[in-house]
Amino acid sequence: MNFSILGTGSALPVCIKTNDDLSKIVDTNDEWISTRTGIKERRICGEEPLSDIASVAASNALENAGINAADLDLIICATISGDYITPSLACIIQSKIKATCPAFDVSAACTGFIYALDVAAGYFARGKFKKILIVAADAMSKLIDWKDRATCVLFGDAAGAVVLTAGDDLLSIKLTATGDATALSAPNVTGNCPFGQIPQTQPYLSMNGQEIYKFAVSAMCNDITDVVNEAGLTKDQIDYVLPHQANIRIIEAAQKRLKMAKDKYLTNIKSYGNTSAVSIPLLLDDANRSGKFKKGDLLALSAFGAGLTTGACVIRWNK
C-alpha cells in the first residue's frame, strides 16, 4: 500500500519579470537567456511572502481533491527558502489553511518534492494516515545574487501541491544523494556571534553550471531507466515524462539519450524558469487542469538538485 493522487494545485506570485526586464539590471538579453535555457519569463515574490503563495497552492489542491483541511492527517512541505528558519513553512501553511494535523519540512533542494512523495509513501505503508498534503514552495529570488547574470536569469518563485490518499499508484521510486557543497550551494545566515572564527561568505547561491549540466543529464537518464525497469515497464509504456525544469538543454539532452519520444516530455520552463522543488508539482497541476492526463496514464517524474540529490518515480494517474 502506498498512495494515489486525489488532487493537484499551484499558485504563482503576481510579479512577472521577462528577460528584457532582467537585461536592465545585468549584462544580458532575451536571446542569450532563451537560447541557453529556454526561459522567457519568471515569477518573483516581490509583493507577498512565500507562505501566502504556498497556502493558496494547498487550498487549490484541497479543492481539486474535494476534501477539507480538517480531513488532513499530515502536511509535508518541500522547501529550502521558507519565510523562517523556524517555524517550518509546513507549520505556517497548516495555520493559514486551518488544518490541525502534524506538519514538517523536507529539505532536498530541487529534488524535494520526490523526497516528500517517498516520505508520504512510508506513512501510508504504516497504515497510520489516510490523507496527506504535500506542498512544494520556493522563493529562489531570495537566494540568488541579482548581480550574477549566470544564475539570476535561471530561477523563479512558485508553489505546487498534491493531495494523496492511500492507494497503489506509486509503482517505483528511487532517491540518491552524493554529498557535495562545491557544485551547487547557498550559505545559511551567519549571525553576529562575537566568538565566531569561521570566515563569512556572501549569502547567495553559487553554481558550477557545466558540472551541474553533466550531473543532471546523467542523473535523469540513469534514474528514469531504473524506475521504469523497477516498475516492470518499458520506456515505450510511459505516457509522459515530467522532468525538473532546470534548463531546456538538459531536458533535450536526456530525451535524446533515453530515446523517448519528444512529445512525451512536458515542459513549462518558458513561463516559470527553474522553480526548484516546485517545478514538477507545478507541471503536474498545469497538465491536470488542462485535461492532459487520462485515467491509467503512466507518468515518470525525475528531479536533481543541490546535495547533490536526485529522485525519480513512476506513478499511475488515477484521478
C-alpha atoms as a PDB file:
ATOM      1  CA  MET A   1       0.000   0.000   0.000  1.00  0.00           C
ATOM      2  CA  ASN A   2       1.339   3.435  -0.940  1.00  0.00           C
ATOM      3  CA  PHE A   3      -0.717   6.276  -2.425  1.00  0.00           C
ATOM      4  CA  SER A   4      -2.907   7.672  -5.173  1.00  0.00           C
ATOM      5  CA  ILE A   5      -3.159  11.329  -6.204  1.00  0.00           C
ATOM      6  CA  LEU A   6      -6.510  12.864  -5.246  1.00  0.00           C
ATOM      7  CA  GLY A   7      -5.875  16.439  -6.372  1.00  0.00           C
ATOM      8  CA  THR A   8      -3.319  18.983  -7.504  1.00  0.00           C
ATOM      9  CA  GLY A   9      -2.885  22.718  -7.021  1.00  0.00           C
ATOM     10  CA  SER A  10      -0.457  25.533  -7.677  1.00  0.00           C
ATOM     11  CA  ALA A  11      -0.055  29.265  -7.142  1.00  0.00           C
ATOM     12  CA  LEU A  12       2.186  31.991  -8.530  1.00  0.00           C
ATOM     13  CA  PRO A  13       3.351  35.425  -7.361  1.00  0.00           C
ATOM     14  CA  VAL A  14       1.765  38.360  -9.155  1.00  0.00           C
ATOM     15  CA  CYS A  15       5.116  39.885 -10.195  1.00  0.00           C
ATOM     16  CA  ILE A  16       6.260  38.768 -13.671  1.00  0.00           C
ATOM     17  CA  LYS A  17       9.765  39.585 -14.886  1.00  0.00           C
ATOM     18  CA  THR A  18      10.738  38.961 -18.512  1.00  0.00           C
ATOM     19  CA  ASN A  19      14.209  38.512 -19.942  1.00  0.00           C
ATOM     20  CA  ASP A  20      14.018  42.084 -21.174  1.00  0.00           C
ATOM     21  CA  ASP A  21      13.362  43.241 -17.609  1.00  0.00           C
ATOM     22  CA  LEU A  22      16.491  41.419 -16.412  1.00  0.00           C
ATOM     23  CA  SER A  23      18.560  42.958 -19.203  1.00  0.00           C
ATOM     24  CA  LYS A  24      18.056  46.304 -17.456  1.00  0.00           C
ATOM     25  CA  ILE A  25      19.841  45.168 -14.285  1.00  0.00           C
ATOM     26  CA  VAL A  26      22.534  42.761 -15.582  1.00  0.00           C
ATOM     27  CA  ASP A  27      24.523  42.462 -18.812  1.00  0.00           C
ATOM     28  CA  THR A  28      22.264  40.040 -20.688  1.00  0.00           C
ATOM     29  CA  ASN A  29      19.472  39.937 -23.261  1.00  0.00           C
ATOM     30  CA  ASP A  30      16.469  37.861 -24.239  1.00  0.00           C
ATOM     31  CA  GLU A  31      18.290  35.916 -26.962  1.00  0.00           C
ATOM     32  CA  TRP A  32      21.191  34.994 -24.672  1.00  0.00           C
ATOM     33  CA  ILE A  33      18.856  33.675 -21.957  1.00  0.00           C
ATOM     34  CA  SER A  34      16.227  31.950 -24.100  1.00  0.00           C
ATOM     35  CA  THR A  35      18.658  30.134 -26.402  1.00  0.00           C
ATOM     36  CA  ARG A  36      20.730  28.810 -23.479  1.00  0.00           C
ATOM     37  CA  THR A  37      17.946  27.988 -21.028  1.00  0.00           C
ATOM     38  CA  GLY A  38      14.544  28.024 -22.735  1.00  0.00           C
ATOM     39  CA  ILE A  39      13.310  30.641 -20.248  1.00  0.00           C
ATOM     40  CA  LYS A  40      11.383  33.744 -21.338  1.00  0.00           C
ATOM     41  CA  GLU A  41       9.945  34.948 -18.018  1.00  0.00           C
ATOM     42  CA  ARG A  42       9.598  34.062 -14.348  1.00  0.00           C
ATOM     43  CA  ARG A  43       7.527  34.991 -11.266  1.00  0.00           C
ATOM     44  CA  ILE A  44       9.020  36.791  -8.277  1.00  0.00           C
ATOM     45  CA  CYS A  45       7.710  37.027  -4.693  1.00  0.00           C
ATOM     46  CA  GLY A  46       8.071  40.781  -4.611  1.00  0.00           C
ATOM     47  CA  GLU A  47       4.683  41.623  -3.121  1.00  0.00           C
ATOM     48  CA  GLU A  48       3.791  38.612  -0.976  1.00  0.00           C
ATOM     49  CA  PRO A  49       5.526  36.177   1.389  1.00  0.00           C
ATOM     50  CA  LEU A  50       6.150  32.646   0.153  1.00  0.00           C
ATOM     51  CA  SER A  51       3.781  31.261   2.813  1.00  0.00           C
ATOM     52  CA  ASP A  52       0.866  33.086   1.174  1.00  0.00           C
ATOM     53  CA  ILE A  53       1.631  31.533  -2.225  1.00  0.00           C
ATOM     54  CA  ALA A  54       2.138  28.102  -0.655  1.00  0.00           C
ATOM     55  CA  SER A  55      -1.164  28.289   1.223  1.00  0.00           C
ATOM     56  CA  VAL A  56      -3.075  29.182  -1.946  1.00  0.00           C
ATOM     57  CA  ALA A  57      -1.499  26.214  -3.738  1.00  0.00           C
ATOM     58  CA  ALA A  58      -2.500  23.980  -0.805  1.00  0.00           C
ATOM     59  CA  SER A  59      -6.091  25.270  -0.844  1.00  0.00           C
ATOM     60  CA  ASN A  60      -6.309  24.769  -4.605  1.00  0.00           C
ATOM     61  CA  ALA A  61      -5.146  21.176  -4.240  1.00  0.00           C
ATOM     62  CA  LEU A  62      -7.661  20.506  -1.472  1.00  0.00           C
ATOM     63  CA  GLU A  63     -10.461  21.917  -3.627  1.00  0.00           C
ATOM     64  CA  ASN A  64      -9.355  19.815  -6.593  1.00  0.00           C
ATOM     65  CA  ALA A  65      -9.312  16.737  -4.348  1.00  0.00           C
ATOM     66  CA  GLY A  66     -12.750  17.515  -2.927  1.00  0.00           C
ATOM     67  CA  ILE A  67     -11.681  17.440   0.719  1.00  0.00           C
ATOM     68  CA  ASN A  68     -11.299  19.949   3.565  1.00  0.00           C
ATOM     69  CA  ALA A  69      -8.186  20.911   5.502  1.00  0.00           C
ATOM     70  CA  ALA A  70      -9.727  19.262   8.565  1.00  0.00           C
ATOM     71  CA  ASP A  71      -9.507  15.910   6.737  1.00  0.00           C
ATOM     72  CA  LEU A  72      -5.700  16.034   6.515  1.00  0.00           C
ATOM     73  CA  ASP A  73      -3.564  13.711   8.626  1.00  0.00           C
ATOM     74  CA  LEU A  74      -0.206  15.238   7.705  1.00  0.00           C
ATOM     75  CA  ILE A  75       1.354  18.159   5.813  1.00  0.00           C
ATOM     76  CA  ILE A  76       4.828  17.823   4.276  1.00  0.00           C
ATOM     77  CA  CYS A  77       6.451  20.858   2.700  1.00  0.00           C
ATOM     78  CA  ALA A  78       9.426  20.613   0.339  1.00  0.00           C
ATOM     79  CA  THR A  79      11.365  23.882   0.501  1.00  0.00           C
ATOM     80  CA  ILE A  80      14.773  25.492   1.024  1.00  0.00           C
ATOM     81  CA  SER A  81      13.517  29.064   1.277  1.00  0.00           C
ATOM     82  CA  GLY A  82      10.678  29.322   3.780  1.00  0.00           C
ATOM     83  CA  ASP A  83       9.779  32.639   5.391  1.00  0.00           C
ATOM     84  CA  TYR A  84      11.501  31.484   8.586  1.00  0.00           C
ATOM     85  CA  ILE A  85      14.270  29.087   9.556  1.00  0.00           C
ATOM     86  CA  THR A  86      11.810  28.102  12.252  1.00  0.00           C
ATOM     87  CA  PRO A  87       8.864  27.599  12.391  1.00  0.00           C
ATOM     88  CA  SER A  88       8.725  25.384   9.336  1.00  0.00           C
ATOM     89  CA  LEU A  89       6.872  26.544   6.250  1.00  0.00           C
ATOM     90  CA  ALA A  90       4.634  23.484   6.681  1.00  0.00           C
ATOM     91  CA  CYS A  91       3.505  24.801  10.084  1.00  0.00           C
ATOM     92  CA  ILE A  92       2.719  28.229   8.624  1.00  0.00           C
ATOM     93  CA  ILE A  93       0.687  26.582   5.848  1.00  0.00           C
ATOM     94  CA  GLN A  94      -1.142  24.475   8.436  1.00  0.00           C
ATOM     95  CA  SER A  95      -2.173  27.630  10.269  1.00  0.00           C
ATOM     96  CA  LYS A  96      -3.211  29.537   7.144  1.00  0.00           C
ATOM     97  CA  ILE A  97      -5.438  26.744   5.770  1.00  0.00           C
ATOM     98  CA  LYS A  98      -6.788  25.974   9.263  1.00  0.00           C
ATOM     99  CA  ALA A  99      -5.630  22.371   9.407  1.00  0.00           C
ATOM    100  CA  THR A 100      -4.832  20.682  12.738  1.00  0.00           C
ATOM    101  CA  CYS A 101      -2.545  17.831  11.664  1.00  0.00           C
ATOM    102  CA  PRO A 102       1.234  17.420  12.168  1.00  0.00           C
ATOM    103  CA  ALA A 103       3.398  19.365   9.727  1.00  0.00           C
ATOM    104  CA  PHE A 104       7.091  19.454   8.852  1.00  0.00           C
ATOM    105  CA  ASP A 105       9.511  20.478   6.088  1.00  0.00           C
ATOM    106  CA  VAL A 106      11.770  18.365   3.873  1.00  0.00           C
ATOM    107  CA  SER A 107      14.987  19.910   2.534  1.00  0.00           C
ATOM    108  CA  ALA A 108      16.341  18.257  -0.611  1.00  0.00           C
ATOM    109  CA  ALA A 109      16.531  21.295  -2.914  1.00  0.00           C
ATOM    110  CA  CYS A 110      15.092  20.698  -6.387  1.00  0.00           C
ATOM    111  CA  THR A 111      14.514  17.007  -5.583  1.00  0.00           C
ATOM    112  CA  GLY A 112      12.435  17.881  -2.515  1.00  0.00           C
ATOM    113  CA  PHE A 113       9.046  17.005  -4.000  1.00  0.00           C
ATOM    114  CA  ILE A 114      10.073  13.441  -4.878  1.00  0.00           C
ATOM    115  CA  TYR A 115      11.722  13.015  -1.472  1.00  0.00           C
ATOM    116  CA  ALA A 116       8.429  14.139   0.079  1.00  0.00           C
ATOM    117  CA  LEU A 117       6.489  11.613  -2.013  1.00  0.00           C
ATOM    118  CA  ASP A 118       8.711   8.842  -0.646  1.00  0.00           C
ATOM    119  CA  VAL A 119       8.211  10.055   2.930  1.00  0.00           C
ATOM    120  CA  ALA A 120       4.439  10.070   2.391  1.00  0.00           C
ATOM    121  CA  ALA A 121       4.551   6.555   0.936  1.00  0.00           C
ATOM    122  CA  GLY A 122       6.194   5.376   4.164  1.00  0.00           C
ATOM    123  CA  TYR A 123       3.386   6.817   6.292  1.00  0.00           C
ATOM    124  CA  PHE A 124       0.762   5.159   4.107  1.00  0.00           C
ATOM    125  CA  ALA A 125       2.638   1.850   4.286  1.00  0.00           C
ATOM    126  CA  ARG A 126       2.361   2.008   8.081  1.00  0.00           C
ATOM    127  CA  GLY A 127      -1.393   2.387   7.729  1.00  0.00           C
ATOM    128  CA  LYS A 128      -1.242   5.415  10.012  1.00  0.00           C
ATOM    129  CA  PHE A 129      -2.677   8.165   7.784  1.00  0.00           C
ATOM    130  CA  LYS A 130      -5.411   8.408   5.154  1.00  0.00           C
ATOM    131  CA  LYS A 131      -4.875  11.879   3.652  1.00  0.00           C
ATOM    132  CA  ILE A 132      -1.539  13.670   3.212  1.00  0.00           C
ATOM    133  CA  LEU A 133      -0.906  17.095   1.687  1.00  0.00           C
ATOM    134  CA  ILE A 134       2.463  17.728   0.055  1.00  0.00           C
ATOM    135  CA  VAL A 135       3.328  21.332  -0.759  1.00  0.00           C
ATOM    136  CA  ALA A 136       6.469  22.345  -2.648  1.00  0.00           C
ATOM    137  CA  ALA A 137       7.264  26.046  -2.339  1.00  0.00           C
ATOM    138  CA  ASP A 138      10.402  28.018  -3.076  1.00  0.00           C
ATOM    139  CA  ALA A 139      11.330  31.680  -3.433  1.00  0.00           C
ATOM    140  CA  MET A 140      14.681  31.347  -5.135  1.00  0.00           C
ATOM    141  CA  SER A 141      14.678  35.114  -5.671  1.00  0.00           C
ATOM    142  CA  LYS A 142      15.783  35.410  -2.013  1.00  0.00           C
ATOM    143  CA  LEU A 143      18.831  33.182  -2.516  1.00  0.00           C
ATOM    144  CA  ILE A 144      20.388  34.367  -5.763  1.00  0.00           C
ATOM    145  CA  ASP A 145      22.816  37.208  -6.436  1.00  0.00           C
ATOM    146  CA  TRP A 146      20.950  39.623  -8.689  1.00  0.00           C
ATOM    147  CA  LYS A 147      24.282  40.940  -9.971  1.00  0.00           C
ATOM    148  CA  ASP A 148      25.308  37.500 -11.281  1.00  0.00           C
ATOM    149  CA  ARG A 149      23.867  37.032 -14.763  1.00  0.00           C
ATOM    150  CA  ALA A 150      24.844  33.349 -14.814  1.00  0.00           C
ATOM    151  CA  THR A 151      22.372  32.483 -12.043  1.00  0.00           C
ATOM    152  CA  CYS A 152      19.826  35.261 -11.624  1.00  0.00           C
ATOM    153  CA  VAL A 153      18.272  34.565 -15.029  1.00  0.00           C
ATOM    154  CA  LEU A 154      17.563  30.915 -14.209  1.00  0.00           C
ATOM    155  CA  PHE A 155      15.197  30.907 -11.264  1.00  0.00           C
ATOM    156  CA  GLY A 156      11.621  31.791 -10.393  1.00  0.00           C
ATOM    157  CA  ASP A 157       9.264  31.589  -7.412  1.00  0.00           C
ATOM    158  CA  ALA A 158       6.131  29.421  -7.151  1.00  0.00           C
ATOM    159  CA  ALA A 159       4.255  26.803  -5.143  1.00  0.00           C
ATOM    160  CA  GLY A 160       2.689  23.484  -6.121  1.00  0.00           C
ATOM    161  CA  ALA A 161       0.779  20.899  -4.125  1.00  0.00           C
ATOM    162  CA  VAL A 162      -0.765  17.440  -4.265  1.00  0.00           C
ATOM    163  CA  VAL A 163      -3.259  15.680  -2.007  1.00  0.00           C
ATOM    164  CA  LEU A 164      -2.556  11.979  -1.565  1.00  0.00           C
ATOM    165  CA  THR A 165      -4.709   9.152  -0.288  1.00  0.00           C
ATOM    166  CA  ALA A 166      -3.913   5.505   0.397  1.00  0.00           C
ATOM    167  CA  GLY A 167      -3.645   3.558  -2.866  1.00  0.00           C
ATOM    168  CA  ASP A 168      -1.344   1.594  -5.157  1.00  0.00           C
ATOM    169  CA  ASP A 169      -0.375   4.089  -7.833  1.00  0.00           C
ATOM    170  CA  LEU A 170       3.264   4.633  -6.867  1.00  0.00           C
ATOM    171  CA  LEU A 171       4.835   1.898  -8.980  1.00  0.00           C
ATOM    172  CA  SER A 172       8.505   2.618  -8.205  1.00  0.00           C
ATOM    173  CA  ILE A 173      10.700   5.289  -6.673  1.00  0.00           C
ATOM    174  CA  LYS A 174      14.417   5.985  -6.373  1.00  0.00           C
ATOM    175  CA  LEU A 175      16.317   8.548  -4.290  1.00  0.00           C
ATOM    176  CA  THR A 176      20.047   9.285  -4.256  1.00  0.00           C
ATOM    177  CA  ALA A 177      22.405  11.674  -2.511  1.00  0.00           C
ATOM    178  CA  THR A 178      26.090  12.415  -3.038  1.00  0.00           C
ATOM    179  CA  GLY A 179      27.299  14.947  -0.509  1.00  0.00           C
ATOM    180  CA  ASP A 180      28.817  17.889  -2.378  1.00  0.00           C
ATOM    181  CA  ALA A 181      28.777  21.558  -1.343  1.00  0.00           C
ATOM    182  CA  THR A 182      31.024  22.758  -4.162  1.00  0.00           C
ATOM    183  CA  ALA A 183      28.903  22.282  -7.292  1.00  0.00           C
ATOM    184  CA  LEU A 184      25.750  23.999  -6.030  1.00  0.00           C
ATOM    185  CA  SER A 185      25.133  25.624  -2.667  1.00  0.00           C
ATOM    186  CA  ALA A 186      23.613  28.582  -0.809  1.00  0.00           C
ATOM    187  CA  PRO A 187      25.078  29.568   2.613  1.00  0.00           C
ATOM    188  CA  ASN A 188      22.849  29.966   5.658  1.00  0.00           C
ATOM    189  CA  VAL A 189      22.666  33.123   7.778  1.00  0.00           C
ATOM    190  CA  THR A 190      25.854  33.665   9.764  1.00  0.00           C
ATOM    191  CA  GLY A 191      24.589  35.892  12.583  1.00  0.00           C
ATOM    192  CA  ASN A 192      26.835  38.162  14.627  1.00  0.00           C
ATOM    193  CA  CYS A 193      28.305  35.838  17.241  1.00  0.00           C
ATOM    194  CA  PRO A 194      31.315  37.668  18.799  1.00  0.00           C
ATOM    195  CA  PHE A 195      33.169  34.353  19.140  1.00  0.00           C
ATOM    196  CA  GLY A 196      32.811  33.239  15.520  1.00  0.00           C
ATOM    197  CA  GLN A 197      36.075  32.302  13.778  1.00  0.00           C
ATOM    198  CA  ILE A 198      34.700  30.854  10.531  1.00  0.00           C
ATOM    199  CA  PRO A 199      35.063  33.286   7.592  1.00  0.00           C
ATOM    200  CA  GLN A 200      31.692  34.636   6.475  1.00  0.00           C
ATOM    201  CA  THR A 201      30.559  34.158   2.893  1.00  0.00           C
ATOM    202  CA  GLN A 202      28.046  36.090   0.837  1.00  0.00           C
ATOM    203  CA  PRO A 203      24.580  34.548   1.360  1.00  0.00           C
ATOM    204  CA  TYR A 204      23.994  33.854  -2.323  1.00  0.00           C
ATOM    205  CA  LEU A 205      23.558  30.711  -4.379  1.00  0.00           C
ATOM    206  CA  SER A 206      26.658  29.622  -6.283  1.00  0.00           C
ATOM    207  CA  MET A 207      26.707  27.045  -9.064  1.00  0.00           C
ATOM    208  CA  ASN A 208      29.183  25.360 -11.362  1.00  0.00           C
ATOM    209  CA  GLY A 209      26.969  25.313 -14.449  1.00  0.00           C
ATOM    210  CA  GLN A 210      28.998  22.867 -16.539  1.00  0.00           C
ATOM    211  CA  GLU A 211      29.347  20.373 -13.701  1.00  0.00           C
ATOM    212  CA  ILE A 212      25.631  20.542 -12.890  1.00  0.00           C
ATOM    213  CA  TYR A 213      24.730  20.070 -16.563  1.00  0.00           C
ATOM    214  CA  LYS A 214      26.719  16.835 -16.814  1.00  0.00           C
ATOM    215  CA  PHE A 215      25.420  15.600 -13.471  1.00  0.00           C
ATOM    216  CA  ALA A 216      21.807  16.401 -14.378  1.00  0.00           C
ATOM    217  CA  VAL A 217      21.748  14.707 -17.777  1.00  0.00           C
ATOM    218  CA  SER A 218      23.381  11.583 -16.388  1.00  0.00           C
ATOM    219  CA  ALA A 219      21.064  11.519 -13.362  1.00  0.00           C
ATOM    220  CA  MET A 220      17.903  11.855 -15.442  1.00  0.00           C
ATOM    221  CA  CYS A 221      18.927   9.074 -17.809  1.00  0.00           C
ATOM    222  CA  ASN A 222      20.027   6.673 -15.078  1.00  0.00           C
ATOM    223  CA  ASP A 223      17.142   7.358 -12.715  1.00  0.00           C
ATOM    224  CA  ILE A 224      14.357   7.188 -15.303  1.00  0.00           C
ATOM    225  CA  THR A 225      15.790   3.955 -16.688  1.00  0.00           C
ATOM    226  CA  ASP A 226      15.976   2.457 -13.190  1.00  0.00           C
ATOM    227  CA  VAL A 227      12.447   3.379 -12.049  1.00  0.00           C
ATOM    228  CA  VAL A 228      10.884   2.250 -15.330  1.00  0.00           C
ATOM    229  CA  ASN A 229      12.654  -1.104 -15.005  1.00  0.00           C
ATOM    230  CA  GLU A 230      11.734  -1.386 -11.317  1.00  0.00           C
ATOM    231  CA  ALA A 231       8.082  -0.824 -12.221  1.00  0.00           C
ATOM    232  CA  GLY A 232       8.281  -3.740 -14.677  1.00  0.00           C
ATOM    233  CA  LEU A 233       7.686  -1.448 -17.649  1.00  0.00           C
ATOM    234  CA  THR A 234       9.438  -0.392 -20.816  1.00  0.00           C
ATOM    235  CA  LYS A 235      10.157   3.216 -21.728  1.00  0.00           C
ATOM    236  CA  ASP A 236       7.630   2.927 -24.555  1.00  0.00           C
ATOM    237  CA  GLN A 237       4.876   2.306 -21.989  1.00  0.00           C
ATOM    238  CA  ILE A 238       5.494   5.633 -20.233  1.00  0.00           C
ATOM    239  CA  ASP A 239       2.890   8.147 -21.393  1.00  0.00           C
ATOM    240  CA  TYR A 240       4.515  11.322 -20.042  1.00  0.00           C
ATOM    241  CA  VAL A 241       7.832  12.359 -18.519  1.00  0.00           C
ATOM    242  CA  LEU A 242       7.722  15.241 -16.024  1.00  0.00           C
ATOM    243  CA  PRO A 243      11.335  16.387 -15.650  1.00  0.00           C
ATOM    244  CA  HIS A 244      12.682  19.025 -13.303  1.00  0.00           C
ATOM    245  CA  GLN A 245      12.559  22.319 -15.201  1.00  0.00           C
ATOM    246  CA  ALA A 246      16.145  23.478 -14.739  1.00  0.00           C
ATOM    247  CA  ASN A 247      17.251  24.065 -18.307  1.00  0.00           C
ATOM    248  CA  ILE A 248      15.682  23.075 -21.619  1.00  0.00           C
ATOM    249  CA  ARG A 249      19.065  21.884 -22.885  1.00  0.00           C
ATOM    250  CA  ILE A 250      19.308  19.367 -20.035  1.00  0.00           C
ATOM    251  CA  ILE A 251      15.840  18.036 -20.814  1.00  0.00           C
ATOM    252  CA  GLU A 252      16.563  17.768 -24.541  1.00  0.00           C
ATOM    253  CA  ALA A 253      19.907  16.041 -23.979  1.00  0.00           C
ATOM    254  CA  ALA A 254      18.340  13.461 -21.654  1.00  0.00           C
ATOM    255  CA  GLN A 255      15.446  12.882 -24.063  1.00  0.00           C
ATOM    256  CA  LYS A 256      17.832  12.131 -26.920  1.00  0.00           C
ATOM    257  CA  ARG A 257      19.978   9.816 -24.820  1.00  0.00           C
ATOM    258  CA  LEU A 258      16.951   7.927 -23.467  1.00  0.00           C
ATOM    259  CA  LYS A 259      15.484   7.698 -26.995  1.00  0.00           C
ATOM    260  CA  MET A 260      11.982   8.501 -25.774  1.00  0.00           C
ATOM    261  CA  ALA A 261       9.594  10.490 -27.970  1.00  0.00           C
ATOM    262  CA  LYS A 262       9.989  14.227 -27.533  1.00  0.00           C
ATOM    263  CA  ASP A 263       6.228  14.781 -27.230  1.00  0.00           C
ATOM    264  CA  LYS A 264       6.198  12.686 -24.048  1.00  0.00           C
ATOM    265  CA  TYR A 265       8.250  15.331 -22.235  1.00  0.00           C
ATOM    266  CA  LEU A 266       6.181  18.032 -20.560  1.00  0.00           C
ATOM    267  CA  THR A 267       7.749  21.466 -20.067  1.00  0.00           C
ATOM    268  CA  ASN A 268       6.723  24.892 -18.782  1.00  0.00           C
ATOM    269  CA  ILE A 269      10.174  26.359 -18.156  1.00  0.00           C
ATOM    270  CA  LYS A 270       9.491  29.067 -20.748  1.00  0.00           C
ATOM    271  CA  SER A 271       6.962  30.745 -18.438  1.00  0.00           C
ATOM    272  CA  TYR A 272       8.326  29.988 -14.963  1.00  0.00           C
ATOM    273  CA  GLY A 273      12.068  29.263 -15.066  1.00  0.00           C
ATOM    274  CA  ASN A 274      13.612  26.918 -12.521  1.00  0.00           C
ATOM    275  CA  THR A 275      11.288  26.924  -9.502  1.00  0.00           C
ATOM    276  CA  SER A 276      13.376  24.393  -7.558  1.00  0.00           C
ATOM    277  CA  ALA A 277      11.231  21.789  -5.733  1.00  0.00           C
ATOM    278  CA  VAL A 278       8.090  23.293  -7.264  1.00  0.00           C
ATOM    279  CA  SER A 279       8.788  22.570 -10.911  1.00  0.00           C
ATOM    280  CA  ILE A 280       7.323  19.037 -11.026  1.00  0.00           C
ATOM    281  CA  PRO A 281       4.120  19.646  -8.992  1.00  0.00           C
ATOM    282  CA  LEU A 282       3.594  22.899 -10.951  1.00  0.00           C
ATOM    283  CA  LEU A 283       3.945  20.930 -14.189  1.00  0.00           C
ATOM    284  CA  LEU A 284       1.640  18.235 -12.801  1.00  0.00           C
ATOM    285  CA  ASP A 285      -1.060  20.770 -11.936  1.00  0.00           C
ATOM    286  CA  ASP A 286      -0.806  22.508 -15.309  1.00  0.00           C
ATOM    287  CA  ALA A 287      -1.291  19.179 -17.083  1.00  0.00           C
ATOM    288  CA  ASN A 288      -4.099  18.056 -14.764  1.00  0.00           C
ATOM    289  CA  ARG A 289      -6.126  21.234 -15.170  1.00  0.00           C
ATOM    290  CA  SER A 290      -5.639  21.341 -18.932  1.00  0.00           C
ATOM    291  CA  GLY A 291      -7.013  17.797 -19.247  1.00  0.00           C
ATOM    292  CA  LYS A 292      -3.703  16.405 -20.488  1.00  0.00           C
ATOM    293  CA  PHE A 293      -3.865  13.183 -18.479  1.00  0.00           C
ATOM    294  CA  LYS A 294      -6.349  10.344 -18.826  1.00  0.00           C
ATOM    295  CA  LYS A 295      -7.018   7.695 -16.212  1.00  0.00           C
ATOM    296  CA  GLY A 296      -4.378   4.992 -16.269  1.00  0.00           C
ATOM    297  CA  ASP A 297      -1.627   7.118 -17.801  1.00  0.00           C
ATOM    298  CA  LEU A 298       1.872   6.241 -16.607  1.00  0.00           C
ATOM    299  CA  LEU A 299       3.974   9.210 -15.509  1.00  0.00           C
ATOM    300  CA  ALA A 300       7.745   9.250 -14.966  1.00  0.00           C
ATOM    301  CA  LEU A 301       8.967  12.048 -12.675  1.00  0.00           C
ATOM    302  CA  SER A 302      12.653  12.953 -12.461  1.00  0.00           C
ATOM    303  CA  ALA A 303      14.495  15.648 -10.483  1.00  0.00           C
ATOM    304  CA  PHE A 304      18.022  16.613  -9.440  1.00  0.00           C
ATOM    305  CA  GLY A 305      19.436  19.351  -7.289  1.00  0.00           C
ATOM    306  CA  ALA A 306      21.835  20.599  -4.645  1.00  0.00           C
ATOM    307  CA  GLY A 307      23.020  17.995  -2.216  1.00  0.00           C
ATOM    308  CA  LEU A 308      23.717  16.607  -4.697  1.00  0.00           C
ATOM    309  CA  THR A 309      20.366  14.828  -4.700  1.00  0.00           C
ATOM    310  CA  THR A 310      18.357  13.031  -7.352  1.00  0.00           C
ATOM    311  CA  GLY A 311      14.970  11.372  -7.380  1.00  0.00           C
ATOM    312  CA  ALA A 312      12.664   9.670  -9.832  1.00  0.00           C
ATOM    313  CA  CYS A 313       9.447   7.677  -9.695  1.00  0.00           C
ATOM    314  CA  VAL A 314       6.718   6.136 -11.826  1.00  0.00           C
ATOM    315  CA  ILE A 315       3.133   6.960 -10.887  1.00  0.00           C
ATOM    316  CA  ARG A 316      -0.112   5.728 -12.382  1.00  0.00           C
ATOM    317  CA  TRP A 317      -2.573   8.585 -12.909  1.00  0.00           C
ATOM    318  CA  ASN A 318      -5.939   7.526 -11.489  1.00  0.00           C
ATOM    319  CA  LYS A 319      -7.683  10.823 -10.805  1.00  0.00           C
END
